[in-house]
Amino acid sequence: MTATLPDPSTAAGSRPAPERPRRLAEPGGLMWDSVGLVTFSFTSGSAFLLQVMEPSIAAVVDQNSTFRTDPIGRGLRSLASVMMWVYADEESLAEVERLREMHSTLEAVDANGVRHTALSSGPWAWVLLTGVHAFTEGAKYFGKGRLDRTEVDEMYQEMKQLMRGFKVAEKEIPGTYDEFVAFFETKIVEQLDDNVVAQDFLTGVRHPGPPLGTPRLLTPVWRALTNPLGYVQHLSVVGTLPQAARQKLGVRWTRKQEAQLKAFGWLVARAVPLLPERLRYFPIAYEARRLERNRAALRRVIDLRPV
């Protein structure tokens, strides 16, 4: 049985799609201040898990991704790409073209003989839509707390600009945040499923694989050293999933685990702001923010010049 989801574009009617932006994110916005923080990594895992619960994405990832054989390398490459989206000015659009070209040849045929392609309209949009959920969950657990209504609406408008920069079909973009929430919840219930890719990723989260090239004799040492990290990763990934997604995956989430995640998040939310900016932000984000401040300082000096 195939479920039909509400059309996210209903509110847009037949209006022409907005022009593609000059860059994916603007300096000074919520994404500019938040995505580059080191805390971003705590919710990127749950976003990826929601992505691979989508059948088409799961099929393509299963047959093309290196998340099993090179989890650290894949994670670092994905993180660097996201930093490019937000902080690379006009190069952010070049990063989009690189990703689209890379994904244009990725396809898979599932066990039922159905062919899936990486750039299919719905799945391509879903990859980015999971970021909306990750953003709000990141603020809730590892930041200032729940976003207020003004912040939520601002964040969603910024996400819509990013999606348009990624050439997401306008019909796949819910018009408002409230419409997104309704679409998101229905998508989880009616289209996402448990599968081998999602379960393999969950296993890798709890027991991180060693870097490529690690001698087999050192694998037990790696396991022992990364076991605490794996537990924290598991808390962050599973704890920031919607309950409906946890139920589909058959993942147990207890009140004790929720308390542990909240305690960890409380500590992170208070410790990270005390760090120097160079340590609070990933390198691309830090340099972009520093460059933007220098540009603003130059502009002020130019405006004050004698004429």
C-alpha atoms as a PDB file:
ATOM      1  CA  MET A   1       0.000   0.000   0.000  1.00  0.00           C
ATOM      2  CA  THR A   2       1.407   3.389  -0.951  1.00  0.00           C
ATOM      3  CA  ALA A   3       0.588   6.327   1.299  1.00  0.00           C
ATOM      4  CA  THR A   4       0.022   9.776  -0.164  1.00  0.00           C
ATOM      5  CA  LEU A   5       1.444  12.654   1.802  1.00  0.00           C
ATOM      6  CA  PRO A   6       0.015  16.166   1.789  1.00  0.00           C
ATOM      7  CA  ASP A   7       1.505  18.243  -1.018  1.00  0.00           C
ATOM      8  CA  PRO A   8       3.932  20.686   0.683  1.00  0.00           C
ATOM      9  CA  SER A   9       3.402  23.201  -2.126  1.00  0.00           C
ATOM     10  CA  THR A  10      -0.336  23.652  -1.633  1.00  0.00           C
ATOM     11  CA  ALA A  11       0.077  27.020   0.030  1.00  0.00           C
ATOM     12  CA  ALA A  12       2.260  28.269  -2.802  1.00  0.00           C
ATOM     13  CA  GLY A  13      -0.453  27.693  -5.396  1.00  0.00           C
ATOM     14  CA  SER A  14       0.709  28.254  -8.939  1.00  0.00           C
ATOM     15  CA  ARG A  15       3.122  31.078  -8.157  1.00  0.00           C
ATOM     16  CA  PRO A  16       6.450  30.885  -9.997  1.00  0.00           C
ATOM     17  CA  ALA A  17       9.376  29.568  -7.993  1.00  0.00           C
ATOM     18  CA  PRO A  18      11.555  32.275  -6.388  1.00  0.00           C
ATOM     19  CA  GLU A  19      14.898  32.999  -8.003  1.00  0.00           C
ATOM     20  CA  ARG A  20      17.859  30.969  -6.857  1.00  0.00           C
ATOM     21  CA  PRO A  21      19.782  32.935  -4.194  1.00  0.00           C
ATOM     22  CA  ARG A  22      23.298  34.293  -4.742  1.00  0.00           C
ATOM     23  CA  ARG A  23      24.502  32.301  -1.750  1.00  0.00           C
ATOM     24  CA  LEU A  24      22.943  29.665   0.460  1.00  0.00           C
ATOM     25  CA  ALA A  25      23.067  31.526   3.782  1.00  0.00           C
ATOM     26  CA  GLU A  26      23.479  35.149   4.783  1.00  0.00           C
ATOM     27  CA  PRO A  27      25.899  36.479   7.439  1.00  0.00           C
ATOM     28  CA  GLY A  28      24.213  37.382  10.708  1.00  0.00           C
ATOM     29  CA  GLY A  29      21.351  34.902  10.447  1.00  0.00           C
ATOM     30  CA  LEU A  30      20.517  32.079  12.823  1.00  0.00           C
ATOM     31  CA  MET A  31      22.241  29.524  10.612  1.00  0.00           C
ATOM     32  CA  TRP A  32      25.342  31.713  10.394  1.00  0.00           C
ATOM     33  CA  ASP A  33      25.563  31.830  14.194  1.00  0.00           C
ATOM     34  CA  SER A  34      24.613  28.217  14.900  1.00  0.00           C
ATOM     35  CA  VAL A  35      25.503  25.708  12.167  1.00  0.00           C
ATOM     36  CA  GLY A  36      29.260  26.204  12.487  1.00  0.00           C
ATOM     37  CA  LEU A  37      29.318  25.513  16.221  1.00  0.00           C
ATOM     38  CA  VAL A  38      31.039  22.302  17.285  1.00  0.00           C
ATOM     39  CA  THR A  39      27.715  21.269  18.822  1.00  0.00           C
ATOM     40  CA  PHE A  40      26.361  20.787  15.284  1.00  0.00           C
ATOM     41  CA  SER A  41      27.919  17.320  15.287  1.00  0.00           C
ATOM     42  CA  PHE A  42      25.600  16.200  18.093  1.00  0.00           C
ATOM     43  CA  THR A  43      22.494  16.300  15.876  1.00  0.00           C
ATOM     44  CA  SER A  44      23.970  15.567  12.436  1.00  0.00           C
ATOM     45  CA  GLY A  45      23.771  11.845  13.229  1.00  0.00           C
ATOM     46  CA  SER A  46      20.027  11.846  13.872  1.00  0.00           C
ATOM     47  CA  ALA A  47      19.506  13.804  10.641  1.00  0.00           C
ATOM     48  CA  PHE A  48      21.440  11.166   8.693  1.00  0.00           C
ATOM     49  CA  LEU A  49      19.489   8.389  10.392  1.00  0.00           C
ATOM     50  CA  LEU A  50      16.182   9.995   9.403  1.00  0.00           C
ATOM     51  CA  GLN A  51      17.510  10.298   5.863  1.00  0.00           C
ATOM     52  CA  VAL A  52      18.404   6.607   5.522  1.00  0.00           C
ATOM     53  CA  MET A  53      15.023   5.567   6.897  1.00  0.00           C
ATOM     54  CA  GLU A  54      13.632   6.899   3.602  1.00  0.00           C
ATOM     55  CA  PRO A  55      13.522   3.866   1.242  1.00  0.00           C
ATOM     56  CA  SER A  56      15.064   5.519  -1.835  1.00  0.00           C
ATOM     57  CA  ILE A  57      17.879   7.112   0.135  1.00  0.00           C
ATOM     58  CA  ALA A  58      18.486   3.846   1.983  1.00  0.00           C
ATOM     59  CA  ALA A  59      18.822   1.929  -1.278  1.00  0.00           C
ATOM     60  CA  VAL A  60      21.291   4.410  -2.777  1.00  0.00           C
ATOM     61  CA  VAL A  61      23.321   4.732   0.434  1.00  0.00           C
ATOM     62  CA  ASP A  62      23.396   0.956   0.886  1.00  0.00           C
ATOM     63  CA  GLN A  63      25.021   0.420  -2.492  1.00  0.00           C
ATOM     64  CA  ASN A  64      27.160   3.549  -2.796  1.00  0.00           C
ATOM     65  CA  SER A  65      28.118   5.055   0.580  1.00  0.00           C
ATOM     66  CA  THR A  66      31.311   4.425   2.557  1.00  0.00           C
ATOM     67  CA  PHE A  67      29.622   4.929   5.937  1.00  0.00           C
ATOM     68  CA  ARG A  68      30.372   1.301   6.876  1.00  0.00           C
ATOM     69  CA  THR A  69      33.967   1.087   5.635  1.00  0.00           C
ATOM     70  CA  ASP A  70      35.157   4.640   6.319  1.00  0.00           C
ATOM     71  CA  PRO A  71      32.775   6.176   8.881  1.00  0.00           C
ATOM     72  CA  ILE A  72      35.228   8.803  10.109  1.00  0.00           C
ATOM     73  CA  GLY A  73      36.205   9.923   6.614  1.00  0.00           C
ATOM     74  CA  ARG A  74      32.588  10.061   5.476  1.00  0.00           C
ATOM     75  CA  GLY A  75      31.620  12.034   8.544  1.00  0.00           C
ATOM     76  CA  LEU A  76      34.414  14.578   8.106  1.00  0.00           C
ATOM     77  CA  ARG A  77      33.635  15.043   4.405  1.00  0.00           C
ATOM     78  CA  SER A  78      29.943  15.555   5.127  1.00  0.00           C
ATOM     79  CA  LEU A  79      30.708  18.026   7.913  1.00  0.00           C
ATOM     80  CA  ALA A  80      33.051  20.044   5.672  1.00  0.00           C
ATOM     81  CA  SER A  81      30.415  20.140   2.941  1.00  0.00           C
ATOM     82  CA  VAL A  82      27.759  21.504   5.319  1.00  0.00           C
ATOM     83  CA  MET A  83      30.195  24.200   6.462  1.00  0.00           C
ATOM     84  CA  MET A  84      30.631  25.162   2.803  1.00  0.00           C
ATOM     85  CA  TRP A  85      26.860  25.536   2.382  1.00  0.00           C
ATOM     86  CA  VAL A  86      26.606  28.169   5.090  1.00  0.00           C
ATOM     87  CA  TYR A  87      29.983  29.890   5.182  1.00  0.00           C
ATOM     88  CA  ALA A  88      31.529  29.765   1.705  1.00  0.00           C
ATOM     89  CA  ASP A  89      29.767  32.841   0.237  1.00  0.00           C
ATOM     90  CA  GLU A  90      29.278  32.367  -3.528  1.00  0.00           C
ATOM     91  CA  GLU A  91      31.384  29.198  -3.401  1.00  0.00           C
ATOM     92  CA  SER A  92      28.468  27.620  -1.557  1.00  0.00           C
ATOM     93  CA  LEU A  93      26.649  27.348  -4.892  1.00  0.00           C
ATOM     94  CA  ALA A  94      29.713  25.732  -6.449  1.00  0.00           C
ATOM     95  CA  GLU A  95      29.609  23.178  -3.636  1.00  0.00           C
ATOM     96  CA  VAL A  96      25.986  22.457  -4.523  1.00  0.00           C
ATOM     97  CA  GLU A  97      26.937  21.853  -8.152  1.00  0.00           C
ATOM     98  CA  ARG A  98      29.752  19.549  -7.037  1.00  0.00           C
ATOM     99  CA  LEU A  99      27.344  17.550  -4.898  1.00  0.00           C
ATOM    100  CA  ARG A 100      24.689  17.375  -7.598  1.00  0.00           C
ATOM    101  CA  GLU A 101      27.224  16.191 -10.153  1.00  0.00           C
ATOM    102  CA  MET A 102      28.587  13.612  -7.708  1.00  0.00           C
ATOM    103  CA  HIS A 103      25.074  12.316  -6.963  1.00  0.00           C
ATOM    104  CA  SER A 104      23.841  12.437 -10.561  1.00  0.00           C
ATOM    105  CA  THR A 105      25.234   8.989 -11.325  1.00  0.00           C
ATOM    106  CA  LEU A 106      24.308   7.356  -8.013  1.00  0.00           C
ATOM    107  CA  GLU A 107      21.471   4.886  -8.276  1.00  0.00           C
ATOM    108  CA  ALA A 108      20.402   1.533  -6.905  1.00  0.00           C
ATOM    109  CA  VAL A 109      17.920  -1.256  -7.480  1.00  0.00           C
ATOM    110  CA  ASP A 110      16.299  -2.593  -4.303  1.00  0.00           C
ATOM    111  CA  ALA A 111      15.249  -6.139  -3.457  1.00  0.00           C
ATOM    112  CA  ASN A 112      11.890  -5.568  -5.145  1.00  0.00           C
ATOM    113  CA  GLY A 113      13.509  -4.514  -8.397  1.00  0.00           C
ATOM    114  CA  VAL A 114      12.624  -0.839  -7.934  1.00  0.00           C
ATOM    115  CA  ARG A 115      15.222   1.590  -9.281  1.00  0.00           C
ATOM    116  CA  HIS A 116      16.149   4.568  -7.122  1.00  0.00           C
ATOM    117  CA  THR A 117      18.226   7.627  -8.035  1.00  0.00           C
ATOM    118  CA  ALA A 118      19.997  10.022  -5.675  1.00  0.00           C
ATOM    119  CA  LEU A 119      18.576  13.173  -7.243  1.00  0.00           C
ATOM    120  CA  SER A 120      14.927  12.101  -7.176  1.00  0.00           C
ATOM    121  CA  SER A 121      12.852  15.108  -6.179  1.00  0.00           C
ATOM    122  CA  GLY A 122      11.363  13.883  -2.894  1.00  0.00           C
ATOM    123  CA  PRO A 123      14.454  12.175  -1.437  1.00  0.00           C
ATOM    124  CA  TRP A 124      16.714  15.079  -2.457  1.00  0.00           C
ATOM    125  CA  ALA A 125      14.414  17.434  -0.545  1.00  0.00           C
ATOM    126  CA  TRP A 126      14.172  15.097   2.455  1.00  0.00           C
ATOM    127  CA  VAL A 127      17.938  15.229   3.000  1.00  0.00           C
ATOM    128  CA  LEU A 128      17.665  18.967   3.624  1.00  0.00           C
ATOM    129  CA  LEU A 129      14.336  18.892   5.448  1.00  0.00           C
ATOM    130  CA  THR A 130      15.836  16.653   8.134  1.00  0.00           C
ATOM    131  CA  GLY A 131      18.145  19.565   8.868  1.00  0.00           C
ATOM    132  CA  VAL A 132      15.197  21.639  10.066  1.00  0.00           C
ATOM    133  CA  HIS A 133      14.467  19.076  12.768  1.00  0.00           C
ATOM    134  CA  ALA A 134      18.165  18.761  13.648  1.00  0.00           C
ATOM    135  CA  PHE A 135      18.446  22.550  14.032  1.00  0.00           C
ATOM    136  CA  THR A 136      15.576  22.832  16.504  1.00  0.00           C
ATOM    137  CA  GLU A 137      16.696  19.755  18.462  1.00  0.00           C
ATOM    138  CA  GLY A 138      20.245  21.097  18.622  1.00  0.00           C
ATOM    139  CA  ALA A 139      19.022  24.346  20.164  1.00  0.00           C
ATOM    140  CA  LYS A 140      16.767  22.462  22.575  1.00  0.00           C
ATOM    141  CA  TYR A 141      19.405  20.101  23.977  1.00  0.00           C
ATOM    142  CA  PHE A 142      22.780  21.754  23.326  1.00  0.00           C
ATOM    143  CA  GLY A 143      22.017  25.458  22.955  1.00  0.00           C
ATOM    144  CA  LYS A 144      19.843  28.199  24.416  1.00  0.00           C
ATOM    145  CA  GLY A 145      16.767  26.004  24.682  1.00  0.00           C
ATOM    146  CA  ARG A 146      13.640  25.831  22.573  1.00  0.00           C
ATOM    147  CA  LEU A 147      13.504  28.453  19.848  1.00  0.00           C
ATOM    148  CA  ASP A 148      10.743  31.006  20.223  1.00  0.00           C
ATOM    149  CA  ARG A 149       8.229  31.563  17.442  1.00  0.00           C
ATOM    150  CA  THR A 150      10.152  34.419  15.825  1.00  0.00           C
ATOM    151  CA  GLU A 151      13.373  32.378  15.778  1.00  0.00           C
ATOM    152  CA  VAL A 152      11.602  29.317  14.388  1.00  0.00           C
ATOM    153  CA  ASP A 153      10.103  31.305  11.535  1.00  0.00           C
ATOM    154  CA  GLU A 154      13.427  33.038  10.803  1.00  0.00           C
ATOM    155  CA  MET A 155      15.269  29.722  10.804  1.00  0.00           C
ATOM    156  CA  TYR A 156      12.742  28.160   8.457  1.00  0.00           C
ATOM    157  CA  GLN A 157      12.956  31.025   5.985  1.00  0.00           C
ATOM    158  CA  GLU A 158      16.732  30.602   5.964  1.00  0.00           C
ATOM    159  CA  MET A 159      16.319  26.863   5.396  1.00  0.00           C
ATOM    160  CA  LYS A 160      13.980  27.551   2.475  1.00  0.00           C
ATOM    161  CA  GLN A 161      16.646  29.748   0.902  1.00  0.00           C
ATOM    162  CA  LEU A 162      19.173  26.949   1.339  1.00  0.00           C
ATOM    163  CA  MET A 163      16.827  24.400  -0.238  1.00  0.00           C
ATOM    164  CA  ARG A 164      16.203  26.649  -3.225  1.00  0.00           C
ATOM    165  CA  GLY A 165      19.951  27.015  -3.618  1.00  0.00           C
ATOM    166  CA  PHE A 166      20.107  23.218  -3.750  1.00  0.00           C
ATOM    167  CA  LYS A 167      17.560  23.283  -6.585  1.00  0.00           C
ATOM    168  CA  VAL A 168      14.956  21.496  -4.489  1.00  0.00           C
ATOM    169  CA  ALA A 169      11.667  21.519  -6.384  1.00  0.00           C
ATOM    170  CA  GLU A 170       9.356  24.180  -4.958  1.00  0.00           C
ATOM    171  CA  LYS A 171       6.565  21.618  -4.586  1.00  0.00           C
ATOM    172  CA  GLU A 172       8.753  19.734  -2.092  1.00  0.00           C
ATOM    173  CA  ILE A 173       9.213  22.728   0.232  1.00  0.00           C
ATOM    174  CA  PRO A 174       6.466  23.237   2.846  1.00  0.00           C
ATOM    175  CA  GLY A 175       5.408  26.874   2.812  1.00  0.00           C
ATOM    176  CA  THR A 176       5.600  27.541   6.564  1.00  0.00           C
ATOM    177  CA  TYR A 177       7.195  25.936   9.586  1.00  0.00           C
ATOM    178  CA  ASP A 178       3.796  24.674  10.767  1.00  0.00           C
ATOM    179  CA  GLU A 179       3.264  23.036   7.384  1.00  0.00           C
ATOM    180  CA  PHE A 180       6.727  21.511   7.667  1.00  0.00           C
ATOM    181  CA  VAL A 181       5.904  20.008  11.075  1.00  0.00           C
ATOM    182  CA  ALA A 182       2.717  18.408   9.719  1.00  0.00           C
ATOM    183  CA  PHE A 183       4.565  17.086   6.669  1.00  0.00           C
ATOM    184  CA  PHE A 184       7.507  15.849   8.761  1.00  0.00           C
ATOM    185  CA  GLU A 185       5.324  13.930  11.206  1.00  0.00           C
ATOM    186  CA  THR A 186       3.273  12.344   8.412  1.00  0.00           C
ATOM    187  CA  LYS A 187       6.427  11.418   6.504  1.00  0.00           C
ATOM    188  CA  ILE A 188       7.813   9.528   9.486  1.00  0.00           C
ATOM    189  CA  VAL A 189       4.612   7.597  10.070  1.00  0.00           C
ATOM    190  CA  GLU A 190       3.722   6.807   6.474  1.00  0.00           C
ATOM    191  CA  GLN A 191       6.950   6.618   4.473  1.00  0.00           C
ATOM    192  CA  LEU A 192       9.986   5.995   6.661  1.00  0.00           C
ATOM    193  CA  ASP A 193      10.886   2.467   7.655  1.00  0.00           C
ATOM    194  CA  ASP A 194      13.369   0.327   9.513  1.00  0.00           C
ATOM    195  CA  ASN A 195      16.037  -1.155   7.246  1.00  0.00           C
ATOM    196  CA  VAL A 196      19.526  -2.643   7.266  1.00  0.00           C
ATOM    197  CA  VAL A 197      21.185   0.694   6.492  1.00  0.00           C
ATOM    198  CA  ALA A 198      19.563   2.420   9.469  1.00  0.00           C
ATOM    199  CA  GLN A 199      20.440  -0.476  11.783  1.00  0.00           C
ATOM    200  CA  ASP A 200      24.037  -0.627  10.538  1.00  0.00           C
ATOM    201  CA  PHE A 201      24.375   3.097  11.139  1.00  0.00           C
ATOM    202  CA  LEU A 202      23.002   2.737  14.671  1.00  0.00           C
ATOM    203  CA  THR A 203      25.538  -0.011  15.341  1.00  0.00           C
ATOM    204  CA  GLY A 204      28.327   2.189  14.004  1.00  0.00           C
ATOM    205  CA  VAL A 205      27.213   5.070  16.211  1.00  0.00           C
ATOM    206  CA  ARG A 206      27.435   2.952  19.345  1.00  0.00           C
ATOM    207  CA  HIS A 207      30.630   1.185  18.282  1.00  0.00           C
ATOM    208  CA  PRO A 208      32.595   3.575  16.023  1.00  0.00           C
ATOM    209  CA  GLY A 209      34.770   1.846  13.467  1.00  0.00           C
ATOM    210  CA  PRO A 210      38.513   2.604  13.425  1.00  0.00           C
ATOM    211  CA  PRO A 211      40.073   4.891  10.801  1.00  0.00           C
ATOM    212  CA  LEU A 212      41.040   3.324   7.504  1.00  0.00           C
ATOM    213  CA  GLY A 213      44.447   1.700   7.691  1.00  0.00           C
ATOM    214  CA  THR A 214      44.318   0.911  11.407  1.00  0.00           C
ATOM    215  CA  PRO A 215      46.178  -2.383  12.041  1.00  0.00           C
ATOM    216  CA  ARG A 216      43.832  -5.154  13.127  1.00  0.00           C
ATOM    217  CA  LEU A 217      45.905  -5.730  16.266  1.00  0.00           C
ATOM    218  CA  LEU A 218      44.989  -2.224  17.425  1.00  0.00           C
ATOM    219  CA  THR A 219      41.254  -2.653  16.891  1.00  0.00           C
ATOM    220  CA  PRO A 220      40.576  -3.809  20.486  1.00  0.00           C
ATOM    221  CA  VAL A 221      42.447  -0.758  21.773  1.00  0.00           C
ATOM    222  CA  TRP A 222      40.372   1.481  19.519  1.00  0.00           C
ATOM    223  CA  ARG A 223      37.168  -0.144  20.754  1.00  0.00           C
ATOM    224  CA  ALA A 224      38.118   0.381  24.391  1.00  0.00           C
ATOM    225  CA  LEU A 225      39.121   4.003  23.865  1.00  0.00           C
ATOM    226  CA  THR A 226      36.014   4.934  21.872  1.00  0.00           C
ATOM    227  CA  ASN A 227      33.426   3.089  23.955  1.00  0.00           C
ATOM    228  CA  PRO A 228      32.578   6.193  26.068  1.00  0.00           C
ATOM    229  CA  LEU A 229      32.384   8.297  22.902  1.00  0.00           C
ATOM    230  CA  GLY A 230      30.085   5.707  21.350  1.00  0.00           C
ATOM    231  CA  TYR A 231      27.744   5.900  24.313  1.00  0.00           C
ATOM    232  CA  VAL A 232      27.551   9.709  24.079  1.00  0.00           C
ATOM    233  CA  GLN A 233      26.983   9.459  20.324  1.00  0.00           C
ATOM    234  CA  HIS A 234      24.211   6.938  20.900  1.00  0.00           C
ATOM    235  CA  LEU A 235      22.527   9.246  23.418  1.00  0.00           C
ATOM    236  CA  SER A 236      22.779  12.232  21.064  1.00  0.00           C
ATOM    237  CA  VAL A 237      21.564  10.406  17.948  1.00  0.00           C
ATOM    238  CA  VAL A 238      18.753   8.366  19.462  1.00  0.00           C
ATOM    239  CA  GLY A 239      17.704  11.059  21.923  1.00  0.00           C
ATOM    240  CA  THR A 240      17.188  13.691  19.224  1.00  0.00           C
ATOM    241  CA  LEU A 241      15.107  11.383  17.043  1.00  0.00           C
ATOM    242  CA  PRO A 242      11.320  11.818  17.066  1.00  0.00           C
ATOM    243  CA  GLN A 243       9.651   9.169  19.209  1.00  0.00           C
ATOM    244  CA  ALA A 244       7.788   7.815  16.168  1.00  0.00           C
ATOM    245  CA  ALA A 245      11.121   7.166  14.434  1.00  0.00           C
ATOM    246  CA  ARG A 246      12.531   5.419  17.515  1.00  0.00           C
ATOM    247  CA  GLN A 247       9.495   3.158  17.609  1.00  0.00           C
ATOM    248  CA  LYS A 248       9.912   2.222  13.961  1.00  0.00           C
ATOM    249  CA  LEU A 249      13.564   1.374  14.560  1.00  0.00           C
ATOM    250  CA  GLY A 250      12.738  -0.659  17.639  1.00  0.00           C
ATOM    251  CA  VAL A 251      15.059   1.482  19.765  1.00  0.00           C
ATOM    252  CA  ARG A 252      14.354   1.658  23.478  1.00  0.00           C
ATOM    253  CA  TRP A 253      14.628   5.102  25.067  1.00  0.00           C
ATOM    254  CA  THR A 254      14.321   5.339  28.844  1.00  0.00           C
ATOM    255  CA  ARG A 255      13.762   8.177  31.272  1.00  0.00           C
ATOM    256  CA  LYS A 256      17.271   7.548  32.592  1.00  0.00           C
ATOM    257  CA  GLN A 257      18.729   8.048  29.102  1.00  0.00           C
ATOM    258  CA  GLU A 258      16.664  11.216  28.618  1.00  0.00           C
ATOM    259  CA  ALA A 259      17.992  12.553  31.924  1.00  0.00           C
ATOM    260  CA  GLN A 260      21.560  11.703  30.887  1.00  0.00           C
ATOM    261  CA  LEU A 261      21.140  13.474  27.545  1.00  0.00           C
ATOM    262  CA  LYS A 262      19.669  16.558  29.225  1.00  0.00           C
ATOM    263  CA  ALA A 263      22.524  16.642  31.742  1.00  0.00           C
ATOM    264  CA  PHE A 264      25.117  16.282  28.983  1.00  0.00           C
ATOM    265  CA  GLY A 265      23.364  18.939  26.901  1.00  0.00           C
ATOM    266  CA  TRP A 266      23.183  21.307  29.908  1.00  0.00           C
ATOM    267  CA  LEU A 267      26.934  20.958  30.395  1.00  0.00           C
ATOM    268  CA  VAL A 268      27.677  21.487  26.700  1.00  0.00           C
ATOM    269  CA  ALA A 269      25.362  24.502  26.439  1.00  0.00           C
ATOM    270  CA  ARG A 270      27.188  26.224  29.281  1.00  0.00           C
ATOM    271  CA  ALA A 271      30.744  25.168  28.490  1.00  0.00           C
ATOM    272  CA  VAL A 272      30.894  25.894  24.749  1.00  0.00           C
ATOM    273  CA  PRO A 273      30.079  29.643  25.002  1.00  0.00           C
ATOM    274  CA  LEU A 274      33.066  30.003  27.341  1.00  0.00           C
ATOM    275  CA  LEU A 275      35.485  28.759  24.685  1.00  0.00           C
ATOM    276  CA  PRO A 276      37.345  31.138  22.364  1.00  0.00           C
ATOM    277  CA  GLU A 277      35.574  31.546  19.047  1.00  0.00           C
ATOM    278  CA  ARG A 278      38.354  29.589  17.297  1.00  0.00           C
ATOM    279  CA  LEU A 279      37.406  26.572  19.407  1.00  0.00           C
ATOM    280  CA  ARG A 280      33.629  27.107  19.443  1.00  0.00           C
ATOM    281  CA  TYR A 281      33.380  26.941  15.658  1.00  0.00           C
ATOM    282  CA  PHE A 282      34.659  24.525  13.053  1.00  0.00           C
ATOM    283  CA  PRO A 283      37.576  25.946  11.008  1.00  0.00           C
ATOM    284  CA  ILE A 284      35.635  26.990   7.877  1.00  0.00           C
ATOM    285  CA  ALA A 285      32.973  28.682   9.999  1.00  0.00           C
ATOM    286  CA  TYR A 286      35.511  30.474  12.183  1.00  0.00           C
ATOM    287  CA  GLU A 287      37.483  31.856   9.234  1.00  0.00           C
ATOM    288  CA  ALA A 288      34.315  32.957   7.437  1.00  0.00           C
ATOM    289  CA  ARG A 289      33.042  34.772  10.501  1.00  0.00           C
ATOM    290  CA  ARG A 290      36.422  36.455  11.007  1.00  0.00           C
ATOM    291  CA  LEU A 291      36.515  37.504   7.349  1.00  0.00           C
ATOM    292  CA  GLU A 292      33.004  38.944   7.576  1.00  0.00           C
ATOM    293  CA  ARG A 293      33.977  41.033  10.596  1.00  0.00           C
ATOM    294  CA  ASN A 294      37.017  42.332   8.711  1.00  0.00           C
ATOM    295  CA  ARG A 295      34.840  43.214   5.730  1.00  0.00           C
ATOM    296  CA  ALA A 296      32.469  45.122   8.006  1.00  0.00           C
ATOM    297  CA  ALA A 297      35.387  46.947   9.630  1.00  0.00           C
ATOM    298  CA  LEU A 298      36.742  47.927   6.207  1.00  0.00           C
ATOM    299  CA  ARG A 299      33.299  49.157   5.186  1.00  0.00           C
ATOM    300  CA  ARG A 300      33.080  51.360   8.274  1.00  0.00           C
ATOM    301  CA  VAL A 301      36.507  52.889   7.586  1.00  0.00           C
ATOM    302  CA  ILE A 302      35.625  53.497   3.949  1.00  0.00           C
ATOM    303  CA  ASP A 303      32.350  55.179   4.917  1.00  0.00           C
ATOM    304  CA  LEU A 304      34.209  57.499   7.342  1.00  0.00           C
ATOM    305  CA  ARG A 305      36.927  58.506   4.871  1.00  0.00           C
ATOM    306  CA  PRO A 306      37.348  62.219   4.154  1.00  0.00           C
ATOM    307  CA  VAL A 307      36.013  63.240   0.743  1.00  0.00           C
END
